[in-house]
Amino acid sequence: MQREQLKDAIPTIRLLQQSSLKESTFHEYKGADALVNILTRFLDYHEPILAWGVPKTAYFFLKNKIEHFHAERLKRKVLMMHIYNSTAYERIKVLKKLPYTKVRILPELYDSEVATNVCADEVVFVLFKAPVTIFLIKNKEMADAYKRYFELLWKNAKKV
């Protein structure tokens, strides 16, 4: 009898073990340097970096720091796909010329000061107002869901 109960309990125990092994973390950061550090760390995953909702003001906050990131990204041949807000045409012109870089644009209705970045099992939300505020969530299921959202947005975003 006890052996049979134990045998029935084993699948439940294994499921609980697997659930507890899936680590989720949350961090809040301030400042452009923190964002560039996160993006640079993304390069270690050797996976595409997805970014959307990027406002025109993003470059103002990131300035030369982001150029170093892109140089390293290109050196490592990591694809980055951007979906910018409707007002960011100047930045889009620059990015369109870079290899391993794809850019599209959202209609004005969807403009926001909050950008979303996804790579591997990490989702990063960035509020582009002084001081730049970053929320990083590490969770595979959440990242996978946001990657699917990106695909939908990408299909509907305007080619530039």
Protein backbone atom coordinates (compact mmCIF):
# COMPACT_ATOMS: atom_id res chain seq x y z
CA MET A 1 0.00 0.00 0.00
CA GLN A 2 2.72 2.51 0.93
CA ARG A 3 4.71 1.57 -2.16
CA GLU A 4 1.68 2.26 -4.36
CA GLN A 5 1.09 5.67 -2.71
CA LEU A 6 4.74 6.58 -3.18
CA LYS A 7 4.57 5.51 -6.83
CA ASP A 8 1.51 7.78 -7.33
CA ALA A 9 3.25 10.70 -5.60
CA ILE A 10 6.47 10.57 -7.66
CA PRO A 11 5.09 12.44 -10.73
CA THR A 12 3.78 15.23 -8.49
CA ILE A 13 7.12 15.50 -6.69
CA ARG A 14 8.99 15.67 -10.02
CA LEU A 15 6.67 18.40 -11.27
CA LEU A 16 7.25 20.42 -8.10
CA GLN A 17 11.02 19.99 -8.47
CA GLN A 18 10.93 21.22 -12.07
CA SER A 19 8.81 24.22 -11.11
CA SER A 20 11.20 25.24 -8.37
CA LEU A 21 14.18 24.98 -10.73
CA LYS A 22 12.71 27.61 -13.06
CA GLU A 23 14.26 30.73 -11.66
CA SER A 24 12.64 34.10 -12.01
CA THR A 25 14.37 37.32 -11.04
CA PHE A 26 13.44 40.99 -11.07
CA HIS A 27 15.77 43.99 -10.89
CA GLU A 28 15.29 47.73 -11.15
CA TYR A 29 18.08 49.96 -12.41
CA LYS A 30 18.52 53.68 -13.03
CA GLY A 31 20.52 55.44 -15.72
CA ALA A 32 21.62 54.97 -19.30
CA ASP A 33 24.81 53.14 -18.31
CA ALA A 34 22.75 50.37 -16.72
CA LEU A 35 20.75 49.91 -19.91
CA VAL A 36 23.83 49.78 -22.12
CA ASN A 37 25.40 47.26 -19.72
CA ILE A 38 22.30 45.05 -19.95
CA LEU A 39 22.25 45.25 -23.75
CA THR A 40 25.96 44.45 -23.90
CA ARG A 41 25.41 41.44 -21.65
CA PHE A 42 22.67 40.30 -24.05
CA LEU A 43 25.41 39.80 -26.66
CA ASP A 44 26.72 36.85 -24.63
CA TYR A 45 23.52 34.94 -25.44
CA HIS A 46 24.32 35.02 -29.20
CA GLU A 47 20.58 35.37 -29.88
CA PRO A 48 18.63 38.10 -31.67
CA ILE A 49 17.80 41.16 -29.59
CA LEU A 50 14.25 42.40 -30.06
CA ALA A 51 13.30 45.99 -29.22
CA TRP A 52 10.02 47.83 -29.66
CA GLY A 53 8.31 51.01 -28.59
CA VAL A 54 11.65 52.81 -28.82
CA PRO A 55 10.99 56.57 -28.61
CA LYS A 56 12.84 59.33 -30.44
CA THR A 57 14.25 60.45 -27.07
CA ALA A 58 16.10 57.15 -26.52
CA TYR A 59 19.16 58.31 -28.43
CA PHE A 60 19.27 61.56 -26.42
CA PHE A 61 19.63 59.53 -23.23
CA LEU A 62 22.03 56.94 -24.61
CA LYS A 63 24.17 59.09 -26.97
CA ASN A 64 27.71 57.76 -27.50
CA LYS A 65 27.24 54.85 -25.10
CA ILE A 66 24.92 53.06 -27.50
CA GLU A 67 27.39 53.40 -30.38
CA HIS A 68 29.93 51.29 -28.46
CA PHE A 69 27.25 48.66 -27.89
CA HIS A 70 26.37 48.54 -31.60
CA ALA A 71 30.05 48.29 -32.55
CA GLU A 72 30.45 45.27 -30.28
CA ARG A 73 27.15 43.79 -31.52
CA LEU A 74 28.27 44.06 -35.13
CA LYS A 75 31.64 42.56 -34.27
CA ARG A 76 29.84 39.57 -32.76
CA LYS A 77 27.34 39.45 -35.65
CA VAL A 78 24.28 39.59 -33.39
CA LEU A 79 21.00 40.49 -35.09
CA MET A 80 18.96 43.29 -33.55
CA MET A 81 15.42 44.01 -34.66
CA HIS A 82 13.98 47.43 -33.71
CA ILE A 83 10.46 48.75 -33.93
CA TYR A 84 10.65 52.49 -33.33
CA ASN A 85 7.99 55.06 -32.52
CA SER A 86 6.66 57.16 -35.40
CA THR A 87 8.83 60.21 -34.70
CA ALA A 88 12.25 58.51 -34.70
CA TYR A 89 13.07 58.82 -38.40
CA GLU A 90 16.54 60.35 -37.87
CA ARG A 91 17.68 57.42 -35.73
CA ILE A 92 16.08 54.92 -38.10
CA LYS A 93 18.13 56.35 -41.00
CA VAL A 94 21.33 55.57 -39.08
CA LEU A 95 20.29 52.08 -37.96
CA LYS A 96 19.07 51.03 -41.41
CA LYS A 97 22.63 51.29 -42.70
CA LEU A 98 24.02 48.85 -40.12
CA PRO A 99 24.46 45.16 -40.92
CA TYR A 100 22.66 42.65 -38.66
CA THR A 101 20.07 45.34 -38.01
CA LYS A 102 16.41 45.45 -39.04
CA VAL A 103 14.16 48.42 -38.38
CA ARG A 104 10.44 49.08 -38.66
CA ILE A 105 8.14 51.75 -37.33
CA LEU A 106 4.82 51.79 -35.45
CA PRO A 107 1.95 54.18 -36.18
CA GLU A 108 1.75 57.31 -34.02
CA LEU A 109 -1.13 55.81 -32.03
CA TYR A 110 1.37 53.44 -30.37
CA ASP A 111 4.04 56.01 -29.48
CA SER A 112 5.25 55.69 -25.92
CA GLU A 113 8.19 56.59 -23.70
CA VAL A 114 8.47 52.93 -22.66
CA ALA A 115 10.54 50.53 -24.74
CA THR A 116 10.57 46.75 -24.42
CA ASN A 117 13.68 44.67 -25.12
CA VAL A 118 13.79 40.89 -25.18
CA CYS A 119 16.70 38.50 -25.53
CA ALA A 120 16.98 34.86 -24.49
CA ASP A 121 14.97 34.55 -21.25
CA GLU A 122 15.11 38.23 -20.27
CA VAL A 123 12.55 41.01 -20.73
CA VAL A 124 13.60 44.61 -20.14
CA PHE A 125 11.25 47.58 -19.87
CA VAL A 126 12.84 51.01 -20.21
CA LEU A 127 11.16 54.29 -19.28
CA PHE A 128 12.95 57.00 -21.26
CA LYS A 129 12.42 59.90 -18.85
CA ALA A 130 15.05 61.35 -16.56
CA PRO A 131 16.37 59.36 -14.88
CA VAL A 132 16.11 56.44 -17.29
CA THR A 133 14.46 53.62 -15.35
CA ILE A 134 14.94 49.97 -16.28
CA PHE A 135 12.99 46.95 -15.08
CA LEU A 136 14.61 43.60 -15.91
CA ILE A 137 12.69 40.36 -15.55
CA LYS A 138 14.38 37.05 -16.11
CA ASN A 139 11.78 34.40 -16.81
CA LYS A 140 11.74 32.06 -19.80
CA GLU A 141 7.98 31.80 -20.13
CA MET A 142 7.56 35.56 -19.96
CA ALA A 143 10.34 36.13 -22.50
CA ASP A 144 8.81 33.59 -24.87
CA ALA A 145 5.43 35.35 -24.62
CA TYR A 146 7.00 38.73 -25.35
CA LYS A 147 8.86 37.26 -28.33
CA ARG A 148 5.48 36.22 -29.74
CA TYR A 149 4.15 39.75 -29.16
CA PHE A 150 7.15 41.07 -31.05
CA GLU A 151 6.39 38.81 -34.02
CA LEU A 152 2.86 40.20 -34.18
CA LEU A 153 4.08 43.79 -33.96
CA TRP A 154 6.79 43.14 -36.56
CA LYS A 155 4.26 41.83 -39.07
CA ASN A 156 2.11 44.93 -38.59
CA ALA A 157 4.86 47.55 -38.30
CA LYS A 158 5.69 49.68 -41.31
CA LYS A 159 8.83 48.91 -43.32
CA VAL A 160 11.16 51.88 -43.63
